[in-house]
Amino acid sequence: MTVHSLGAADTELTTIALVDQNGSVLVSAPVPRIGAPADLLPRRLTITLAVPAGTRLAGCSIVLDQDAKMKEITRVNNQVRL
């Protein structure tokens, strides 16, 4: 999946996770720091989650920074339901 930053400051180290409908993390991966886009162009990284075979994705979500450690103006775009 693609992770991007449009923020005014570098991001912190964080994680991205596949979370089931009960909030349990099924698999996660580290997301390195992303530099601030001083030129106003988004910075993008491709992150791969090794989802175990047979995992049912219905009702799951992809969640960035699940522990809310990064300082952000909004967290609305840090989760997507599959």
N, C-alpha and C. Protein backbone atom coordinates (compact mmCIF):
# COMPACT_ATOMS: atom_id res chain seq x y z
N MET A 1 0.84 -1.15 0.00
CA MET A 1 0.00 0.00 0.00
C MET A 1 0.89 1.22 0.00
N THR A 2 0.32 2.35 -0.36
CA THR A 2 1.07 3.60 -0.40
C THR A 2 0.73 4.44 0.81
N VAL A 3 1.78 4.92 1.47
CA VAL A 3 1.64 5.84 2.60
C VAL A 3 2.23 7.15 2.13
N HIS A 4 1.54 8.26 2.39
CA HIS A 4 2.09 9.54 1.95
C HIS A 4 1.96 10.60 3.03
N SER A 5 2.77 11.64 2.89
CA SER A 5 2.75 12.74 3.85
C SER A 5 2.66 14.07 3.10
N LEU A 6 1.78 14.91 3.60
CA LEU A 6 1.64 16.27 3.07
C LEU A 6 1.95 17.28 4.16
N GLY A 7 2.43 16.80 5.31
CA GLY A 7 2.62 17.64 6.48
C GLY A 7 3.77 18.62 6.37
N ALA A 8 3.80 19.56 7.29
CA ALA A 8 4.81 20.61 7.31
C ALA A 8 6.07 20.16 8.04
N ALA A 9 6.03 19.01 8.70
CA ALA A 9 7.18 18.51 9.45
C ALA A 9 7.41 17.04 9.08
N ASP A 10 8.63 16.57 9.32
CA ASP A 10 8.93 15.16 9.10
C ASP A 10 8.02 14.32 9.99
N THR A 11 7.64 13.14 9.51
CA THR A 11 6.83 12.24 10.34
C THR A 11 7.74 11.51 11.31
N GLU A 12 7.13 10.92 12.31
CA GLU A 12 7.84 10.08 13.27
C GLU A 12 7.82 8.64 12.76
N LEU A 13 8.69 7.80 13.32
CA LEU A 13 8.60 6.37 13.06
C LEU A 13 7.26 5.89 13.60
N THR A 14 6.60 5.02 12.86
CA THR A 14 5.30 4.52 13.30
C THR A 14 5.08 3.14 12.71
N THR A 15 3.86 2.66 12.78
CA THR A 15 3.52 1.37 12.19
C THR A 15 2.23 1.50 11.41
N ILE A 16 2.03 0.53 10.53
CA ILE A 16 0.77 0.38 9.83
C ILE A 16 0.31 -1.04 10.09
N ALA A 17 -0.98 -1.22 10.30
CA ALA A 17 -1.46 -2.53 10.71
C ALA A 17 -2.76 -2.91 10.02
N LEU A 18 -2.93 -4.19 9.85
CA LEU A 18 -4.22 -4.76 9.46
C LEU A 18 -4.90 -5.15 10.76
N VAL A 19 -6.06 -4.56 11.01
CA VAL A 19 -6.77 -4.73 12.27
C VAL A 19 -8.13 -5.37 11.99
N ASP A 20 -8.49 -6.39 12.78
CA ASP A 20 -9.78 -7.03 12.54
C ASP A 20 -10.91 -6.20 13.16
N GLN A 21 -12.13 -6.65 12.96
CA GLN A 21 -13.30 -5.88 13.42
C GLN A 21 -13.39 -5.76 14.93
N ASN A 22 -12.61 -6.56 15.66
CA ASN A 22 -12.58 -6.48 17.13
C ASN A 22 -11.44 -5.60 17.64
N GLY A 23 -10.66 -5.04 16.71
CA GLY A 23 -9.54 -4.17 17.10
C GLY A 23 -8.23 -4.90 17.30
N SER A 24 -8.19 -6.20 17.04
CA SER A 24 -6.96 -6.97 17.19
C SER A 24 -6.08 -6.81 15.96
N VAL A 25 -4.79 -6.60 16.19
CA VAL A 25 -3.84 -6.46 15.09
C VAL A 25 -3.54 -7.85 14.53
N LEU A 26 -3.77 -8.03 13.24
CA LEU A 26 -3.49 -9.30 12.58
C LEU A 26 -2.07 -9.35 12.06
N VAL A 27 -1.59 -8.23 11.56
CA VAL A 27 -0.23 -8.11 11.05
C VAL A 27 0.12 -6.63 11.00
N SER A 28 1.39 -6.31 11.22
CA SER A 28 1.80 -4.91 11.16
C SER A 28 3.18 -4.81 10.53
N ALA A 29 3.54 -3.61 10.15
CA ALA A 29 4.85 -3.34 9.56
C ALA A 29 5.29 -1.95 9.98
N PRO A 30 6.61 -1.77 10.11
CA PRO A 30 7.10 -0.43 10.46
C PRO A 30 6.97 0.53 9.28
N VAL A 31 6.77 1.79 9.60
CA VAL A 31 6.75 2.86 8.60
C VAL A 31 7.87 3.82 8.99
N PRO A 32 8.88 3.96 8.14
CA PRO A 32 9.99 4.85 8.49
C PRO A 32 9.57 6.32 8.44
N ARG A 33 10.46 7.16 8.92
CA ARG A 33 10.20 8.61 8.85
C ARG A 33 10.03 9.02 7.40
N ILE A 34 9.14 9.96 7.19
CA ILE A 34 8.93 10.54 5.86
C ILE A 34 9.27 12.02 5.98
N GLY A 35 10.16 12.48 5.13
CA GLY A 35 10.56 13.89 5.16
C GLY A 35 9.42 14.82 4.78
N ALA A 36 9.45 16.00 5.37
CA ALA A 36 8.43 17.02 5.06
C ALA A 36 8.56 17.43 3.60
N PRO A 37 7.44 17.61 2.93
CA PRO A 37 7.47 18.01 1.52
C PRO A 37 7.67 19.52 1.36
N ALA A 38 8.89 19.98 1.54
CA ALA A 38 9.19 21.41 1.46
C ALA A 38 8.85 21.99 0.08
N ASP A 39 8.87 21.12 -0.95
CA ASP A 39 8.55 21.57 -2.31
C ASP A 39 7.05 21.44 -2.62
N LEU A 40 6.25 21.11 -1.60
CA LEU A 40 4.80 20.97 -1.69
C LEU A 40 4.34 19.76 -2.49
N LEU A 41 5.24 18.84 -2.78
CA LEU A 41 4.88 17.59 -3.45
C LEU A 41 4.84 16.48 -2.41
N PRO A 42 3.78 15.67 -2.41
CA PRO A 42 3.67 14.63 -1.39
C PRO A 42 4.84 13.65 -1.43
N ARG A 43 5.23 13.18 -0.26
CA ARG A 43 6.25 12.15 -0.14
C ARG A 43 5.53 10.83 0.04
N ARG A 44 5.94 9.83 -0.75
CA ARG A 44 5.25 8.54 -0.74
C ARG A 44 6.22 7.41 -0.44
N LEU A 45 5.71 6.41 0.27
CA LEU A 45 6.43 5.16 0.53
C LEU A 45 5.49 4.01 0.22
N THR A 46 6.03 2.91 -0.25
CA THR A 46 5.24 1.70 -0.44
C THR A 46 5.56 0.75 0.70
N ILE A 47 4.53 0.31 1.39
CA ILE A 47 4.67 -0.60 2.53
C ILE A 47 3.91 -1.88 2.19
N THR A 48 4.51 -3.01 2.50
CA THR A 48 3.88 -4.30 2.25
C THR A 48 3.57 -4.97 3.58
N LEU A 49 2.34 -5.42 3.73
CA LEU A 49 1.94 -6.22 4.88
C LEU A 49 1.86 -7.68 4.44
N ALA A 50 2.53 -8.55 5.16
CA ALA A 50 2.52 -9.98 4.85
C ALA A 50 1.29 -10.61 5.51
N VAL A 51 0.17 -10.54 4.84
CA VAL A 51 -1.10 -11.05 5.39
C VAL A 51 -1.10 -12.57 5.26
N PRO A 52 -1.33 -13.27 6.37
CA PRO A 52 -1.34 -14.73 6.31
C PRO A 52 -2.41 -15.25 5.36
N ALA A 53 -2.09 -16.31 4.66
CA ALA A 53 -3.05 -16.94 3.75
C ALA A 53 -4.30 -17.34 4.52
N GLY A 54 -5.43 -17.13 3.92
CA GLY A 54 -6.70 -17.50 4.53
C GLY A 54 -7.30 -16.44 5.44
N THR A 55 -6.60 -15.32 5.61
CA THR A 55 -7.13 -14.25 6.45
C THR A 55 -8.35 -13.65 5.79
N ARG A 56 -9.43 -13.54 6.55
CA ARG A 56 -10.65 -12.92 6.03
C ARG A 56 -10.54 -11.41 6.22
N LEU A 57 -10.60 -10.68 5.13
CA LEU A 57 -10.42 -9.22 5.17
C LEU A 57 -11.73 -8.47 5.40
N ALA A 58 -12.86 -9.14 5.23
CA ALA A 58 -14.15 -8.47 5.43
C ALA A 58 -14.22 -7.92 6.85
N GLY A 59 -14.51 -6.64 6.98
CA GLY A 59 -14.63 -6.02 8.27
C GLY A 59 -13.31 -5.53 8.86
N CYS A 60 -12.21 -5.83 8.20
CA CYS A 60 -10.90 -5.39 8.68
C CYS A 60 -10.62 -3.96 8.23
N SER A 61 -9.63 -3.35 8.85
CA SER A 61 -9.19 -2.00 8.50
C SER A 61 -7.68 -1.96 8.41
N ILE A 62 -7.18 -1.05 7.61
CA ILE A 62 -5.76 -0.70 7.60
C ILE A 62 -5.65 0.56 8.45
N VAL A 63 -4.76 0.51 9.46
CA VAL A 63 -4.65 1.63 10.39
C VAL A 63 -3.20 2.08 10.49
N LEU A 64 -2.98 3.35 10.27
CA LEU A 64 -1.66 3.96 10.43
C LEU A 64 -1.58 4.59 11.80
N ASP A 65 -0.48 4.36 12.50
CA ASP A 65 -0.25 4.98 13.82
C ASP A 65 -1.40 4.67 14.77
N GLN A 66 -1.68 3.39 14.95
CA GLN A 66 -2.82 2.95 15.77
C GLN A 66 -2.73 3.48 17.21
N ASP A 67 -1.53 3.66 17.72
CA ASP A 67 -1.36 4.14 19.10
C ASP A 67 -1.40 5.66 19.20
N ALA A 68 -1.62 6.34 18.07
CA ALA A 68 -1.76 7.81 18.02
C ALA A 68 -0.57 8.52 18.66
N LYS A 69 0.64 8.09 18.31
CA LYS A 69 1.85 8.71 18.86
C LYS A 69 2.30 9.92 18.04
N MET A 70 1.92 9.96 16.76
CA MET A 70 2.32 11.09 15.93
C MET A 70 1.45 12.29 16.20
N LYS A 71 2.06 13.46 16.19
CA LYS A 71 1.30 14.70 16.33
C LYS A 71 0.75 15.07 14.96
N GLU A 72 -0.57 15.19 14.88
CA GLU A 72 -1.21 15.49 13.60
C GLU A 72 -2.38 16.45 13.80
N ILE A 73 -2.70 17.16 12.74
CA ILE A 73 -3.87 18.03 12.77
C ILE A 73 -5.14 17.19 12.74
N THR A 74 -5.13 16.13 11.94
CA THR A 74 -6.29 15.24 11.85
C THR A 74 -5.82 13.80 11.68
N ARG A 75 -6.61 12.87 12.18
CA ARG A 75 -6.33 11.44 12.03
C ARG A 75 -7.37 10.78 11.12
N VAL A 76 -8.21 11.59 10.53
CA VAL A 76 -9.31 11.07 9.71
C VAL A 76 -8.80 10.18 8.58
N ASN A 77 -7.66 10.51 8.01
CA ASN A 77 -7.16 9.76 6.87
C ASN A 77 -6.17 8.65 7.27
N ASN A 78 -6.12 8.28 8.55
CA ASN A 78 -5.18 7.26 9.01
C ASN A 78 -5.80 5.87 9.08
N GLN A 79 -7.04 5.72 8.63
CA GLN A 79 -7.69 4.43 8.69
C GLN A 79 -8.60 4.26 7.49
N VAL A 80 -8.60 3.07 6.93
CA VAL A 80 -9.51 2.75 5.85
C VAL A 80 -10.07 1.36 6.10
N ARG A 81 -11.38 1.26 5.98
CA ARG A 81 -12.03 -0.04 6.17
C ARG A 81 -12.02 -0.80 4.85
N LEU A 82 -11.73 -2.08 4.91
CA LEU A 82 -11.67 -2.89 3.69
C LEU A 82 -13.02 -3.49 3.38
